[in-house]
C-alpha atoms as a PDB file:
ATOM      1  CA  MET A   1      29.609 -33.803 -20.059  1.00  0.00           C
ATOM      2  CA  PRO A   2      26.158 -34.935 -19.327  1.00  0.00           C
ATOM      3  CA  SER A   3      23.643 -32.663 -17.604  1.00  0.00           C
ATOM      4  CA  LEU A   4      22.058 -33.298 -14.411  1.00  0.00           C
ATOM      5  CA  GLY A   5      18.178 -34.269 -14.627  1.00  0.00           C
ATOM      6  CA  GLY A   6      15.552 -33.484 -11.753  1.00  0.00           C
ATOM      7  CA  TRP A   7      16.365 -36.297  -9.533  1.00  0.00           C
ATOM      8  CA  GLU A   8      19.980 -35.404  -9.446  1.00  0.00           C
ATOM      9  CA  TRP A   9      19.226 -31.744  -8.496  1.00  0.00           C
ATOM     10  CA  ILE A  10      16.910 -33.114  -5.859  1.00  0.00           C
ATOM     11  CA  ILE A  11      19.547 -35.476  -4.377  1.00  0.00           C
ATOM     12  CA  ILE A  12      22.294 -32.815  -4.386  1.00  0.00           C
ATOM     13  CA  PHE A  13      20.407 -29.583  -3.187  1.00  0.00           C
ATOM     14  CA  VAL A  14      16.955 -30.248  -1.719  1.00  0.00           C
ATOM     15  CA  LEU A  15      17.500 -33.158   0.451  1.00  0.00           C
ATOM     16  CA  PRO A  16      20.606 -31.762   2.232  1.00  0.00           C
ATOM     17  CA  MET A  17      18.722 -28.455   2.571  1.00  0.00           C
ATOM     18  CA  ILE A  18      15.652 -30.520   4.110  1.00  0.00           C
ATOM     19  CA  LEU A  19      18.055 -32.457   6.417  1.00  0.00           C
ATOM     20  CA  PHE A  20      19.591 -28.802   7.554  1.00  0.00           C
ATOM     21  CA  ILE A  21      16.357 -27.233   8.256  1.00  0.00           C
ATOM     22  CA  CYS A  22      15.001 -30.138  10.356  1.00  0.00           C
ATOM     23  CA  ALA A  23      18.216 -30.227  12.201  1.00  0.00           C
ATOM     24  CA  MET A  24      17.775 -26.242  12.895  1.00  0.00           C
ATOM     25  CA  VAL A  25      14.121 -26.750  14.131  1.00  0.00           C
ATOM     26  CA  SER A  26      15.166 -29.960  16.335  1.00  0.00           C
ATOM     27  CA  ILE A  27      17.974 -27.889  17.946  1.00  0.00           C
ATOM     28  CA  ALA A  28      15.828 -24.971  18.569  1.00  0.00           C
ATOM     29  CA  LYS A  29      12.979 -27.121  20.095  1.00  0.00           C
ATOM     30  CA  HIS A  30      15.259 -29.429  22.378  1.00  0.00           C
ATOM     31  CA  ARG A  31      14.500 -28.731  25.640  1.00  0.00           C
ATOM     32  CA  ALA A  32      17.377 -30.614  27.401  1.00  0.00           C
ATOM     33  CA  ALA A  33      20.188 -28.637  25.558  1.00  0.00           C
ATOM     34  CA  SER A  34      21.417 -25.774  27.169  1.00  0.00           C
ATOM     35  CA  GLY A  35      21.597 -22.367  25.269  1.00  0.00           C
ATOM     36  CA  THR A  36      25.363 -22.752  24.929  1.00  0.00           C
ATOM     37  CA  GLU A  37      24.977 -26.210  23.504  1.00  0.00           C
ATOM     38  CA  LYS A  38      22.391 -24.898  21.023  1.00  0.00           C
ATOM     39  CA  VAL A  39      24.507 -22.209  19.784  1.00  0.00           C
ATOM     40  CA  LEU A  40      27.330 -24.609  19.352  1.00  0.00           C
ATOM     41  CA  TRP A  41      25.403 -27.081  17.321  1.00  0.00           C
ATOM     42  CA  VAL A  42      23.885 -24.331  15.366  1.00  0.00           C
ATOM     43  CA  LEU A  43      27.774 -23.459  14.637  1.00  0.00           C
ATOM     44  CA  VAL A  44      28.709 -26.802  13.748  1.00  0.00           C
ATOM     45  CA  SER A  45      25.824 -27.357  11.454  1.00  0.00           C
ATOM     46  CA  LEU A  46      26.393 -23.980   9.660  1.00  0.00           C
ATOM     47  CA  ILE A  47      30.147 -24.819   9.245  1.00  0.00           C
ATOM     48  CA  PHE A  48      29.498 -28.487   8.139  1.00  0.00           C
ATOM     49  CA  PRO A  49      26.093 -28.243   6.352  1.00  0.00           C
ATOM     50  CA  ILE A  50      25.592 -31.879   5.793  1.00  0.00           C
ATOM     51  CA  LEU A  51      27.809 -33.421   8.567  1.00  0.00           C
ATOM     52  CA  GLY A  52      26.638 -31.183  11.194  1.00  0.00           C
ATOM     53  CA  PRO A  53      22.941 -32.305  11.147  1.00  0.00           C
ATOM     54  CA  ILE A  54      23.959 -35.791  10.829  1.00  0.00           C
ATOM     55  CA  LEU A  55      25.857 -35.507  13.919  1.00  0.00           C
ATOM     56  CA  TRP A  56      23.231 -33.763  15.717  1.00  0.00           C
ATOM     57  CA  PHE A  57      20.633 -36.560  15.109  1.00  0.00           C
ATOM     58  CA  ALA A  58      23.379 -39.280  15.729  1.00  0.00           C
ATOM     59  CA  ILE A  59      24.978 -37.991  18.817  1.00  0.00           C
ATOM     60  CA  GLY A  60      23.755 -34.561  19.948  1.00  0.00           C
ATOM     61  CA  LYS A  61      20.240 -35.188  20.675  1.00  0.00           C
ATOM     62  CA  LYS A  62      21.119 -38.529  22.577  1.00  0.00           C
ATOM     63  CA  SER A  63      23.805 -36.885  24.471  1.00  0.00           C
ATOM     64  CA  SER A  64      21.451 -34.058  25.778  1.00  0.00           C
ATOM     65  CA  ASN A  65      18.784 -36.251  26.751  1.00  0.00           C
ATOM     66  CA  GLY A  66      21.269 -38.484  28.827  1.00  0.00           C
ATOM     67  CA  ALA A  67      22.397 -35.485  30.630  1.00  0.00           C
ATOM     68  CA  ALA A  68      18.781 -34.417  31.668  1.00  0.00           C
ATOM     69  CA  THR A  69      17.763 -37.384  32.570  1.00  0.00           C
ATOM     70  CA  GLN A  70      20.726 -37.883  35.101  1.00  0.00           C
ATOM     71  CA  ALA A  71      20.363 -34.784  36.667  1.00  0.00           C
END
């Protein structure tokens, strides 16, 4: 079995960690999302550490912005 080199470790561990941290900061700073929405998105991101942040940036951030502009 071949061992993992430096780039493989970065792709497997560091990039998902950076994505997760960026999502947590984005969720915390998002003004349009209510407290309940933020808690739910943090829980989704904790339960699904790669899929949760991707979903936040793809649909969560946009849906919260739409709700704020309609009100």
